[in-house]
């Protein structure tokens, strides 16, 4: 019989447990029994055990003292405390010492078996169940993809795909992950076609449009505005899957009241999307109404210098001139710590808008720094790095203070990002913009089948850069490379996270409303 695991059982009445031990041996476990804590410690030092069953009330060295010493010797060895006592302080001491489980005597065989499976086989059981559930869902998702989905159905489908991606992250079945990646790729192909067929019609009022980023302040944030103060957190470059892995951290301080997927705009780039978010206008409308606040691709310097001014114009147009508000942008740790220190100044405002740039910096650092590239080698690692950042970021202190002040919390972003791996050749003039996911200019050279083209920028509510300029967008996991020095750029930018083009990850963005606990 295959060994199901090695068990050390310490109990001064071990002989009375013979029926339990025989039962476990019949299930394939190897059980060694001792009658006191000192012998248990000696065995732990001499031999390998998968788990320890430890009686709390033994003569000599007590169960709790034995537990403490076992943890010093083998911190990761699971220990199940077994006791006759139901006294709360004993239970608290045991749990505080990081026990794996707590059983009250008399224990029956099923309780013991369940505890073993939970501690020794949970990972495999979860893996098997997750794989089975996804195999069943795979067909259902495939059938949905074969339908002509509308915007709401695409949002629901993407949320399901993110759910399964995160579930499959937790298991070690690489074959199932490969199947999922194939299905996600198919979904992205169809989503890109969906955007190409509908995007311009939405913008020009030919079809009813979904919630776009430039309408979020008007249609969501201000309509939600109540007597409670609100913190609007715009985390640049935050994908929906990244939000879902960050959510448990926020849940320590907030309760989610509303979650939805909104649409970013093309290009899915900060210059366009975040300016649109604050202005409540599409880029061409900003350039026309407020040319002093808009910079074109060929202009020098930052393209997002006037978000505060654009927000002010937006609030005035919406009749909210009396609203007390603030705007802050955090681009480094020093600025984040300063905001924490001065957070009390924000308490009197009705709405506080906070732009946090970390995730965007992370994606760029991953492109440019080998060490970050290795730390975020794949999608799962990229998500883990995002969690690690939040847990050690000044932003977490901001969230805690906002919760203490009973501020409502809104979390959103300007666009997402996608890991690119398929180079597409494009030719352009020397001054063509450098973004890898979209190009704007005259006389661009490309194959029509490789790109989505907006010949007339005005149709896409994009500023006209020069006479005959057009916008060209990469799809799915493609990225643009010039024929000159082709191999160098393919190797440098392949498998990096980019934005500006069309994919579910870039276009479908999170919008969340939360209430302080």
Protein backbone atom coordinates (compact mmCIF):
# COMPACT_ATOMS: atom_id res chain seq x y z
CA UNK A 1 0.00 0.00 0.00
CA UNK A 2 1.27 3.48 -0.85
CA UNK A 3 2.41 5.50 2.18
CA UNK A 4 -0.19 8.23 2.70
CA UNK A 5 1.99 10.02 5.29
CA UNK A 6 4.07 9.65 8.44
CA UNK A 7 2.29 10.51 11.69
CA UNK A 8 3.71 11.02 15.18
CA UNK A 9 1.04 10.66 17.87
CA UNK A 10 1.92 11.83 21.39
CA UNK A 11 -0.58 10.84 24.12
CA UNK A 12 0.00 9.42 27.61
CA UNK A 13 -2.87 6.97 26.91
CA UNK A 14 -1.52 5.87 23.54
CA UNK A 15 -2.48 2.21 24.16
CA UNK A 16 -6.15 3.20 24.28
CA UNK A 17 -5.79 4.75 20.82
CA UNK A 18 -4.87 1.41 19.19
CA UNK A 19 -8.18 1.20 17.21
CA UNK A 20 -7.52 4.67 15.75
CA UNK A 21 -3.94 3.77 14.85
CA UNK A 22 -5.03 0.53 13.15
CA UNK A 23 -7.66 2.47 11.21
CA UNK A 24 -5.08 4.97 9.99
CA UNK A 25 -2.67 2.19 9.04
CA UNK A 26 -5.44 0.57 7.01
CA UNK A 27 -5.65 3.89 5.10
CA UNK A 28 -1.94 3.76 4.29
CA UNK A 29 -0.56 6.00 7.03
CA UNK A 30 2.51 5.08 9.10
CA UNK A 31 1.90 5.93 12.77
CA UNK A 32 4.47 6.10 15.55
CA UNK A 33 3.20 6.54 19.11
CA UNK A 34 4.89 8.08 22.16
CA UNK A 35 3.56 8.70 25.66
CA UNK A 36 5.13 12.03 26.60
CA UNK A 37 6.39 15.33 25.28
CA UNK A 38 10.12 14.66 25.68
CA UNK A 39 9.90 11.48 23.60
CA UNK A 40 7.89 13.40 21.00
CA UNK A 41 10.67 16.01 20.74
CA UNK A 42 13.30 13.29 20.41
CA UNK A 43 11.34 11.61 17.59
CA UNK A 44 10.85 14.93 15.77
CA UNK A 45 14.61 15.51 15.85
CA UNK A 46 15.46 11.97 14.69
CA UNK A 47 12.87 11.26 12.01
CA UNK A 48 10.74 12.88 9.32
CA UNK A 49 7.02 13.29 10.01
CA UNK A 50 4.31 14.82 7.86
CA UNK A 51 2.14 15.72 10.87
CA UNK A 52 2.00 15.43 14.68
CA UNK A 53 -1.06 14.61 16.81
CA UNK A 54 -0.39 16.09 20.24
CA UNK A 55 -2.37 15.55 23.45
CA UNK A 56 -2.69 18.81 25.36
CA UNK A 57 -2.86 17.21 28.85
CA UNK A 58 0.21 14.97 29.34
CA UNK A 59 2.23 14.53 32.56
CA UNK A 60 5.66 16.13 32.58
CA UNK A 61 6.16 18.44 29.63
CA UNK A 62 2.68 19.78 28.80
CA UNK A 63 1.15 19.66 25.35
CA UNK A 64 1.44 23.44 24.90
CA UNK A 65 5.11 23.44 25.96
CA UNK A 66 5.80 20.49 23.63
CA UNK A 67 4.03 22.38 20.85
CA UNK A 68 6.21 25.44 21.44
CA UNK A 69 9.43 23.38 21.27
CA UNK A 70 8.32 21.47 18.17
CA UNK A 71 7.71 24.79 16.44
CA UNK A 72 11.23 25.90 17.38
CA UNK A 73 12.68 22.71 15.86
CA UNK A 74 10.40 22.40 12.83
CA UNK A 75 8.40 25.63 12.28
CA UNK A 76 6.55 24.24 9.24
CA UNK A 77 5.61 20.84 10.71
CA UNK A 78 1.79 20.71 11.07
CA UNK A 79 0.65 19.95 14.65
CA UNK A 80 -2.93 18.94 15.53
CA UNK A 81 -3.75 19.65 19.19
CA UNK A 82 -6.10 17.14 20.85
CA UNK A 83 -7.60 17.96 24.26
CA UNK A 84 -10.38 17.07 26.67
CA UNK A 85 -10.61 20.71 27.76
CA UNK A 86 -12.81 23.26 26.04
CA UNK A 87 -11.36 26.16 28.01
CA UNK A 88 -11.03 29.18 25.78
CA UNK A 89 -7.54 30.23 26.92
CA UNK A 90 -6.09 26.80 26.02
CA UNK A 91 -7.64 27.01 22.59
CA UNK A 92 -6.30 30.55 22.11
CA UNK A 93 -2.79 29.54 23.23
CA UNK A 94 -2.79 26.63 20.81
CA UNK A 95 -4.11 28.69 17.89
CA UNK A 96 -1.62 31.45 18.71
CA UNK A 97 1.15 28.88 18.40
CA UNK A 98 0.02 28.23 14.81
CA UNK A 99 -1.49 24.77 15.16
CA UNK A 100 -2.84 23.09 12.05
CA UNK A 101 -6.06 21.91 13.73
CA UNK A 102 -7.78 21.59 17.12
CA UNK A 103 -9.77 18.48 18.09
CA UNK A 104 -11.83 17.85 21.26
CA UNK A 105 -11.77 14.37 22.86
CA UNK A 106 -13.26 11.90 22.38
CA UNK A 107 -12.29 12.06 18.73
CA UNK A 108 -13.74 9.68 16.17
CA UNK A 109 -11.96 8.18 13.20
CA UNK A 110 -13.67 10.38 10.62
CA UNK A 111 -12.56 13.55 12.46
CA UNK A 112 -8.98 12.35 12.39
CA UNK A 113 -9.16 11.40 8.71
CA UNK A 114 -10.69 14.76 7.76
CA UNK A 115 -7.94 16.60 9.65
CA UNK A 116 -5.28 14.57 7.85
CA UNK A 117 -6.79 15.18 4.43
CA UNK A 118 -7.17 18.89 5.17
CA UNK A 119 -3.52 19.24 6.21
CA UNK A 120 -1.75 16.70 4.01
CA UNK A 121 -3.89 16.32 0.91
CA UNK A 122 -5.80 19.59 0.65
CA UNK A 123 -3.60 20.94 -2.13
CA UNK A 124 -4.08 17.84 -4.26
CA UNK A 125 -7.81 17.61 -3.49
CA UNK A 126 -8.29 21.28 -4.38
CA UNK A 127 -6.24 20.79 -7.53
CA UNK A 128 -8.29 17.79 -8.63
CA UNK A 129 -11.60 19.52 -7.88
CA UNK A 130 -10.53 22.77 -9.60
CA UNK A 131 -9.42 20.85 -12.70
CA UNK A 132 -12.69 18.94 -12.80
CA UNK A 133 -14.77 22.11 -12.38
CA UNK A 134 -12.85 23.98 -15.08
CA UNK A 135 -13.18 21.06 -17.51
CA UNK A 136 -16.94 21.29 -17.00
CA UNK A 137 -16.88 25.10 -17.38
CA UNK A 138 -14.56 24.95 -20.43
CA UNK A 139 -17.35 23.70 -22.66
CA UNK A 140 -19.81 26.26 -21.31
CA UNK A 141 -17.36 29.11 -21.94
CA UNK A 142 -16.67 27.76 -25.42
CA UNK A 143 -20.39 27.77 -26.22
CA UNK A 144 -20.65 31.38 -25.00
CA UNK A 145 -17.75 32.42 -27.22
CA UNK A 146 -19.57 30.99 -30.23
CA UNK A 147 -22.50 33.34 -29.59
CA UNK A 148 -22.62 36.96 -30.73
CA UNK A 149 -21.89 38.56 -27.35
CA UNK A 150 -22.87 42.13 -26.53
CA UNK A 151 -20.85 44.46 -24.30
CA UNK A 152 -22.47 43.29 -21.05
CA UNK A 153 -21.93 39.64 -21.97
CA UNK A 154 -18.26 40.31 -22.78
CA UNK A 155 -17.81 41.92 -19.38
CA UNK A 156 -19.36 38.88 -17.67
CA UNK A 157 -17.29 36.47 -19.74
CA UNK A 158 -14.06 38.29 -18.96
CA UNK A 159 -14.85 38.23 -15.23
CA UNK A 160 -15.37 34.46 -15.49
CA UNK A 161 -12.08 34.00 -17.32
CA UNK A 162 -10.26 35.99 -14.65
CA UNK A 163 -11.92 33.86 -11.96
CA UNK A 164 -10.69 30.65 -13.58
CA UNK A 165 -7.25 32.06 -14.23
CA UNK A 166 -6.86 32.79 -10.51
CA UNK A 167 -8.26 29.39 -9.52
CA UNK A 168 -5.88 27.55 -11.85
CA UNK A 169 -3.02 29.64 -10.44
CA UNK A 170 -3.45 27.74 -7.18
CA UNK A 171 -2.97 24.25 -8.62
CA UNK A 172 -0.02 22.42 -10.14
CA UNK A 173 -1.74 21.05 -13.25
CA UNK A 174 0.26 22.72 -16.03
CA UNK A 175 -1.79 20.91 -18.67
CA UNK A 176 -4.97 22.56 -17.44
CA UNK A 177 -3.27 25.98 -17.46
CA UNK A 178 -2.24 25.42 -21.09
CA UNK A 179 -5.85 24.62 -22.03
CA UNK A 180 -6.98 27.79 -20.27
CA UNK A 181 -4.39 29.90 -22.12
CA UNK A 182 -5.70 28.55 -25.43
CA UNK A 183 -9.24 29.46 -24.45
CA UNK A 184 -8.22 32.95 -23.31
CA UNK A 185 -6.37 33.49 -26.59
CA UNK A 186 -9.49 32.50 -28.54
CA UNK A 187 -11.54 34.89 -26.38
CA UNK A 188 -9.10 37.73 -27.06
CA UNK A 189 -9.26 37.14 -30.81
CA UNK A 190 -13.03 37.37 -30.74
CA UNK A 191 -13.00 40.35 -28.37
CA UNK A 192 -10.70 42.28 -30.71
CA UNK A 193 -13.11 41.64 -33.59
CA UNK A 194 -15.98 42.77 -31.35
CA UNK A 195 -14.21 46.05 -30.55
CA UNK A 196 -13.30 46.68 -34.20
CA UNK A 197 -16.92 46.11 -35.26
CA UNK A 198 -18.51 48.30 -32.57
CA UNK A 199 -16.11 50.84 -31.09
CA UNK A 200 -16.57 53.67 -33.58
CA UNK A 201 -20.34 53.10 -33.71
CA UNK A 202 -20.51 53.43 -29.90
CA UNK A 203 -18.56 56.68 -29.89
CA UNK A 204 -20.62 58.20 -32.70
CA UNK A 205 -23.98 57.27 -31.19
CA UNK A 206 -24.91 54.71 -33.87
CA UNK A 207 -25.18 52.01 -31.19
CA UNK A 208 -25.84 52.28 -27.46
CA UNK A 209 -22.45 52.29 -25.76
CA UNK A 210 -21.27 50.58 -22.57
CA UNK A 211 -19.86 52.57 -19.64
CA UNK A 212 -16.69 54.23 -20.92
CA UNK A 213 -13.96 55.66 -18.75
CA UNK A 214 -14.72 59.30 -19.60
CA UNK A 215 -18.24 58.91 -18.16
CA UNK A 216 -17.27 57.26 -14.86
CA UNK A 217 -17.10 60.48 -12.81
CA UNK A 218 -20.47 61.67 -14.11
CA UNK A 219 -22.36 58.36 -14.24
CA UNK A 220 -20.92 56.60 -11.17
CA UNK A 221 -18.83 58.62 -8.75
CA UNK A 222 -20.97 61.77 -8.54
CA UNK A 223 -24.26 59.87 -8.68
CA UNK A 224 -23.03 57.74 -5.78
CA UNK A 225 -21.96 60.84 -3.83
CA UNK A 226 -23.70 60.96 -0.42
CA UNK A 227 -23.06 62.62 2.92
CA UNK A 228 -20.07 60.32 3.42
CA UNK A 229 -16.69 61.55 2.21
CA UNK A 230 -15.21 59.60 -0.72
CA UNK A 231 -11.68 58.62 -1.68
CA UNK A 232 -11.35 57.91 -5.42
CA UNK A 233 -8.26 55.78 -5.97
CA UNK A 234 -7.03 55.61 -9.58
CA UNK A 235 -4.29 52.96 -9.73
CA UNK A 236 -2.62 53.43 -13.10
CA UNK A 237 -2.43 50.30 -15.25
CA UNK A 238 -4.48 48.09 -12.89
CA UNK A 239 -5.94 45.05 -14.62
CA UNK A 240 -9.10 43.33 -13.42
CA UNK A 241 -7.14 40.20 -12.41
CA UNK A 242 -4.75 42.35 -10.36
CA UNK A 243 -7.71 43.95 -8.61
CA UNK A 244 -9.08 40.50 -7.72
CA UNK A 245 -5.81 39.44 -6.05
CA UNK A 246 -5.59 42.79 -4.21
CA UNK A 247 -9.22 42.62 -3.08
CA UNK A 248 -8.57 40.54 0.12
CA UNK A 249 -6.19 43.27 1.35
CA UNK A 250 -8.88 45.94 0.87
CA UNK A 251 -11.46 43.64 2.49
CA UNK A 252 -9.65 43.92 5.81
CA UNK A 253 -10.86 47.52 6.06
CA UNK A 254 -13.72 47.83 3.56
CA UNK A 255 -16.84 45.99 2.40
CA UNK A 256 -17.45 45.84 -1.34
CA UNK A 257 -20.81 47.29 -2.33
CA UNK A 258 -20.49 47.35 -6.11
CA UNK A 259 -18.13 45.90 -8.71
CA UNK A 260 -18.29 46.14 -12.47
CA UNK A 261 -16.16 46.09 -15.57
CA UNK A 262 -15.99 49.34 -17.55
CA UNK A 263 -14.41 50.11 -20.93
CA UNK A 264 -11.23 52.10 -21.42
CA UNK A 265 -10.76 54.03 -24.68
CA UNK A 266 -8.36 53.64 -27.60
CA UNK A 267 -5.47 54.07 -27.37
CA UNK A 268 -5.42 52.28 -24.01
CA UNK A 269 -2.63 54.61 -22.88
CA UNK A 270 -2.35 57.04 -20.00
CA UNK A 271 -2.13 60.16 -22.17
CA UNK A 272 -5.55 59.43 -23.65
CA UNK A 273 -7.44 57.36 -21.08
CA UNK A 274 -6.57 59.14 -17.85
CA UNK A 275 -7.01 62.61 -19.30
CA UNK A 276 -10.41 61.44 -20.59
CA UNK A 277 -11.31 60.09 -17.13
CA UNK A 278 -10.66 63.42 -15.39
CA UNK A 279 -11.97 65.67 -18.16
CA UNK A 280 -15.17 63.70 -18.73
CA UNK A 281 -14.43 64.16 -22.43
CA UNK A 282 -12.86 62.21 -25.25
CA UNK A 283 -9.34 63.32 -26.33
CA UNK A 284 -10.42 65.32 -29.41
CA UNK A 285 -13.00 67.15 -27.28
CA UNK A 286 -10.30 68.03 -24.72
CA UNK A 287 -7.97 69.30 -27.46
CA UNK A 288 -10.78 71.43 -28.91
CA UNK A 289 -12.25 72.85 -25.67
CA UNK A 290 -9.07 73.12 -23.63
CA UNK A 291 -6.08 73.19 -26.00
CA UNK A 292 -3.92 74.62 -23.20
CA UNK A 293 -4.36 71.32 -21.31
CA UNK A 294 -3.73 68.89 -24.18
CA UNK A 295 -0.40 67.77 -25.59
CA UNK A 296 -0.08 65.85 -28.84
CA UNK A 297 2.26 62.93 -29.46
CA UNK A 298 5.02 65.10 -30.94
CA UNK A 299 4.95 67.62 -28.07
CA UNK A 300 7.76 67.50 -25.53
CA UNK A 301 7.27 66.59 -21.86
CA UNK A 302 4.65 64.74 -19.85
CA UNK A 303 1.26 64.35 -21.49
CA UNK A 304 -0.65 64.22 -18.15
CA UNK A 305 0.36 67.48 -16.50
CA UNK A 306 -3.13 68.97 -16.37
CA UNK A 307 -5.33 66.29 -14.82
CA UNK A 308 -6.27 68.54 -11.90
CA UNK A 309 -7.27 71.39 -14.24
CA UNK A 310 -9.28 68.98 -16.44
CA UNK A 311 -11.06 67.63 -13.37
CA UNK A 312 -11.96 71.17 -12.32
CA UNK A 313 -13.49 71.94 -15.73
CA UNK A 314 -15.42 68.65 -15.58
CA UNK A 315 -16.90 69.41 -12.15
CA UNK A 316 -17.90 72.91 -13.25
CA UNK A 317 -19.69 71.58 -16.36
CA UNK A 318 -21.55 69.10 -14.15
CA UNK A 319 -22.72 71.87 -11.84
CA UNK A 320 -20.52 70.76 -8.94
CA UNK A 321 -18.59 73.98 -8.37
CA UNK A 322 -19.49 73.91 -4.65
CA UNK A 323 -18.09 70.41 -4.20
CA UNK A 324 -15.05 70.33 -1.92
CA UNK A 325 -12.43 68.17 -3.57
CA UNK A 326 -8.72 67.47 -3.84
CA UNK A 327 -6.39 65.92 -6.40
CA UNK A 328 -3.08 64.19 -5.63
CA UNK A 329 -0.74 62.15 -7.80
CA UNK A 330 1.77 59.77 -6.21
CA UNK A 331 4.71 58.68 -8.37
CA UNK A 332 7.23 57.53 -5.71
CA UNK A 333 7.48 56.25 -2.14
CA UNK A 334 8.55 59.63 -0.73
CA UNK A 335 5.43 61.32 -2.09
CA UNK A 336 3.32 58.44 -0.75
CA UNK A 337 4.72 58.83 2.77
CA UNK A 338 4.16 62.59 2.64
CA UNK A 339 0.50 62.03 1.74
CA UNK A 340 0.11 59.67 4.73
CA UNK A 341 1.51 62.38 7.03
CA UNK A 342 -0.82 65.02 5.59
CA UNK A 343 -3.91 62.86 5.21
CA UNK A 344 -5.75 64.82 7.91
CA UNK A 345 -5.98 67.73 5.45
CA UNK A 346 -8.22 65.63 3.19
CA UNK A 347 -10.84 64.86 5.84
CA UNK A 348 -12.99 67.92 5.17
CA UNK A 349 -13.30 67.35 1.41
CA UNK A 350 -16.35 65.71 -0.15
CA UNK A 351 -14.24 63.81 -2.70
CA UNK A 352 -10.50 63.17 -2.79
CA UNK A 353 -9.02 61.96 -6.08
CA UNK A 354 -5.76 60.06 -5.71
CA UNK A 355 -3.72 58.82 -8.68
CA UNK A 356 -1.23 56.10 -7.74
CA UNK A 357 1.33 55.24 -10.39
CA UNK A 358 3.00 52.12 -9.00
CA UNK A 359 1.57 49.39 -11.25
CA UNK A 360 2.47 51.42 -14.33
CA UNK A 361 6.02 51.83 -13.03
CA UNK A 362 6.17 48.11 -12.31
CA UNK A 363 5.27 47.18 -15.89
CA UNK A 364 7.90 49.58 -17.27
CA UNK A 365 10.52 48.39 -14.77
CA UNK A 366 9.83 44.83 -15.82
CA UNK A 367 10.72 45.79 -19.39
CA UNK A 368 13.87 47.67 -18.47
CA UNK A 369 15.28 45.82 -15.43
CA UNK A 370 16.39 42.20 -15.62
CA UNK A 371 15.82 41.55 -11.91
CA UNK A 372 12.17 42.68 -12.10
CA UNK A 373 11.73 40.64 -15.26
CA UNK A 374 12.85 37.55 -13.36
CA UNK A 375 10.67 38.35 -10.33
CA UNK A 376 7.61 38.78 -12.58
CA UNK A 377 8.42 36.03 -15.05
CA UNK A 378 4.79 35.21 -15.81
CA UNK A 379 1.27 36.49 -15.21
CA UNK A 380 0.98 34.78 -11.81
CA UNK A 381 4.28 36.21 -10.57
CA UNK A 382 3.29 39.66 -11.91
CA UNK A 383 0.11 39.49 -9.82
CA UNK A 384 2.07 38.37 -6.74
CA UNK A 385 4.45 41.29 -7.10
CA UNK A 386 1.45 43.64 -7.18
CA UNK A 387 0.18 42.21 -3.85
CA UNK A 388 3.62 42.51 -2.27
CA UNK A 389 3.79 46.14 -3.37
CA UNK A 390 0.42 47.06 -1.83
CA UNK A 391 1.16 45.31 1.47
CA UNK A 392 4.38 47.32 1.86
CA UNK A 393 3.22 50.55 0.25
CA UNK A 394 2.27 53.88 1.86
CA UNK A 395 -1.00 53.42 -0.02
CA UNK A 396 -2.05 50.79 2.51
CA UNK A 397 -1.66 53.38 5.29
CA UNK A 398 -3.80 55.78 3.25
CA UNK A 399 -6.50 53.09 2.92
CA UNK A 400 -6.41 52.42 6.68
CA UNK A 401 -6.77 56.12 7.49
CA UNK A 402 -9.61 56.50 4.99
CA UNK A 403 -11.40 53.54 6.62
CA UNK A 404 -10.91 55.04 10.10
CA UNK A 405 -12.49 58.28 8.84
CA UNK A 406 -15.40 56.23 7.41
CA UNK A 407 -14.70 57.48 3.89
CA UNK A 408 -16.29 55.60 1.03
CA UNK A 409 -13.72 54.16 -1.36
CA UNK A 410 -13.82 54.00 -5.16
CA UNK A 411 -11.11 51.99 -6.94
CA UNK A 412 -10.57 52.17 -10.68
CA UNK A 413 -7.88 52.67 -13.32
CA UNK A 414 -7.27 54.19 -16.75
CA UNK A 415 -6.35 51.03 -18.70
CA UNK A 416 -4.82 47.61 -18.28
CA UNK A 417 -1.80 45.92 -19.79
CA UNK A 418 -1.00 42.73 -21.70
CA UNK A 419 2.06 40.52 -22.01
CA UNK A 420 3.14 40.76 -25.65
CA UNK A 421 4.89 37.99 -27.57
CA UNK A 422 4.07 38.36 -31.28
CA UNK A 423 6.07 40.97 -33.25
CA UNK A 424 4.33 42.77 -36.11
CA UNK A 425 6.38 44.82 -38.60
CA UNK A 426 5.43 48.43 -39.17
CA UNK A 427 7.21 51.27 -40.97
CA UNK A 428 6.91 54.97 -40.20
CA UNK A 429 8.56 58.36 -40.31
CA UNK A 430 11.34 59.22 -37.89
CA UNK A 431 8.99 61.18 -35.59
CA UNK A 432 6.36 58.41 -35.30
CA UNK A 433 5.44 57.77 -31.64
CA UNK A 434 7.33 55.04 -29.79
CA UNK A 435 4.45 53.11 -28.19
CA UNK A 436 4.58 49.39 -29.07
CA UNK A 437 0.80 48.85 -29.14
CA UNK A 438 -0.36 51.81 -31.24
CA UNK A 439 1.13 54.13 -33.84
CA UNK A 440 -0.03 57.50 -35.09
CA UNK A 441 1.34 59.30 -38.12
CA UNK A 442 1.35 59.65 -41.91
CA UNK A 443 2.34 57.03 -44.43
CA UNK A 444 2.58 54.16 -41.97
CA UNK A 445 3.51 50.87 -43.57
CA UNK A 446 1.73 47.72 -42.32
CA UNK A 447 -0.33 44.75 -43.42
CA UNK A 448 -4.06 45.42 -43.07
CA UNK A 449 -4.72 41.97 -41.61
CA UNK A 450 -2.33 42.66 -38.71
CA UNK A 451 -3.90 45.85 -37.34
CA UNK A 452 -7.02 47.86 -36.55
CA UNK A 453 -6.90 51.22 -38.32
CA UNK A 454 -8.76 54.44 -37.59
CA UNK A 455 -8.14 56.34 -40.84
CA UNK A 456 -9.89 59.48 -39.69
CA UNK A 457 -8.91 60.29 -36.08
CA UNK A 458 -12.08 62.34 -35.63
CA UNK A 459 -14.15 59.15 -35.99
CA UNK A 460 -12.39 57.81 -32.90
CA UNK A 461 -12.63 61.19 -31.11
CA UNK A 462 -8.86 61.46 -31.33
CA UNK A 463 -6.98 64.73 -31.97
CA UNK A 464 -5.78 65.18 -35.51
CA UNK A 465 -2.00 65.30 -35.24
CA UNK A 466 -1.10 66.24 -38.84
CA UNK A 467 -2.73 66.16 -42.24
CA UNK A 468 -3.53 62.56 -43.24
CA UNK A 469 -2.51 61.12 -39.85
CA UNK A 470 -4.06 57.79 -38.89
CA UNK A 471 -4.11 55.67 -35.73
CA UNK A 472 -3.06 52.02 -35.99
CA UNK A 473 -3.67 49.56 -33.12
CA UNK A 474 -2.08 46.21 -32.31
CA UNK A 475 -4.39 43.37 -31.36
CA UNK A 476 -4.19 40.59 -28.74
CA UNK A 477 -0.53 39.92 -27.82
CA UNK A 478 1.04 41.62 -30.85
CA UNK A 479 3.58 44.44 -30.61
CA UNK A 480 4.93 46.74 -33.28
CA UNK A 481 8.56 46.50 -34.38
CA UNK A 482 10.36 48.52 -37.03
CA UNK A 483 12.17 46.51 -39.73
CA UNK A 484 15.45 48.24 -38.82
CA UNK A 485 17.20 46.43 -35.97
CA UNK A 486 14.23 44.03 -35.89
CA UNK A 487 15.83 41.16 -33.94
CA UNK A 488 17.16 43.41 -31.19
CA UNK A 489 13.74 44.91 -30.47
CA UNK A 490 11.98 41.55 -30.70
CA UNK A 491 14.32 40.13 -28.04
CA UNK A 492 14.18 43.25 -25.87
CA UNK A 493 10.41 43.75 -25.84
CA UNK A 494 9.14 40.20 -26.30
CA UNK A 495 7.29 38.90 -23.20
CA UNK A 496 7.03 42.36 -21.62
CA UNK A 497 3.82 44.01 -20.40
CA UNK A 498 2.60 46.76 -22.71
CA UNK A 499 -0.54 48.84 -23.25
CA UNK A 500 -2.11 51.03 -25.91
CA UNK A 501 -3.76 48.38 -28.10
CA UNK A 502 -6.81 46.13 -28.10
CA UNK A 503 -7.20 43.20 -25.71
CA UNK A 504 -9.54 42.26 -22.89
CA UNK A 505 -6.75 42.95 -20.40
CA UNK A 506 -6.21 46.53 -21.64
CA UNK A 507 -9.77 47.60 -22.46
CA UNK A 508 -11.89 45.95 -19.74
CA UNK A 509 -11.06 47.78 -16.52
CA UNK A 510 -12.26 47.42 -12.91
CA UNK A 511 -14.62 49.86 -11.20
CA UNK A 512 -15.33 49.15 -7.51
CA UNK A 513 -17.27 50.95 -4.76
CA UNK A 514 -16.54 50.06 -1.12
CA UNK A 515 -17.81 51.13 2.30
CA UNK A 516 -15.68 51.31 5.45
CA UNK A 517 -16.27 48.56 7.99
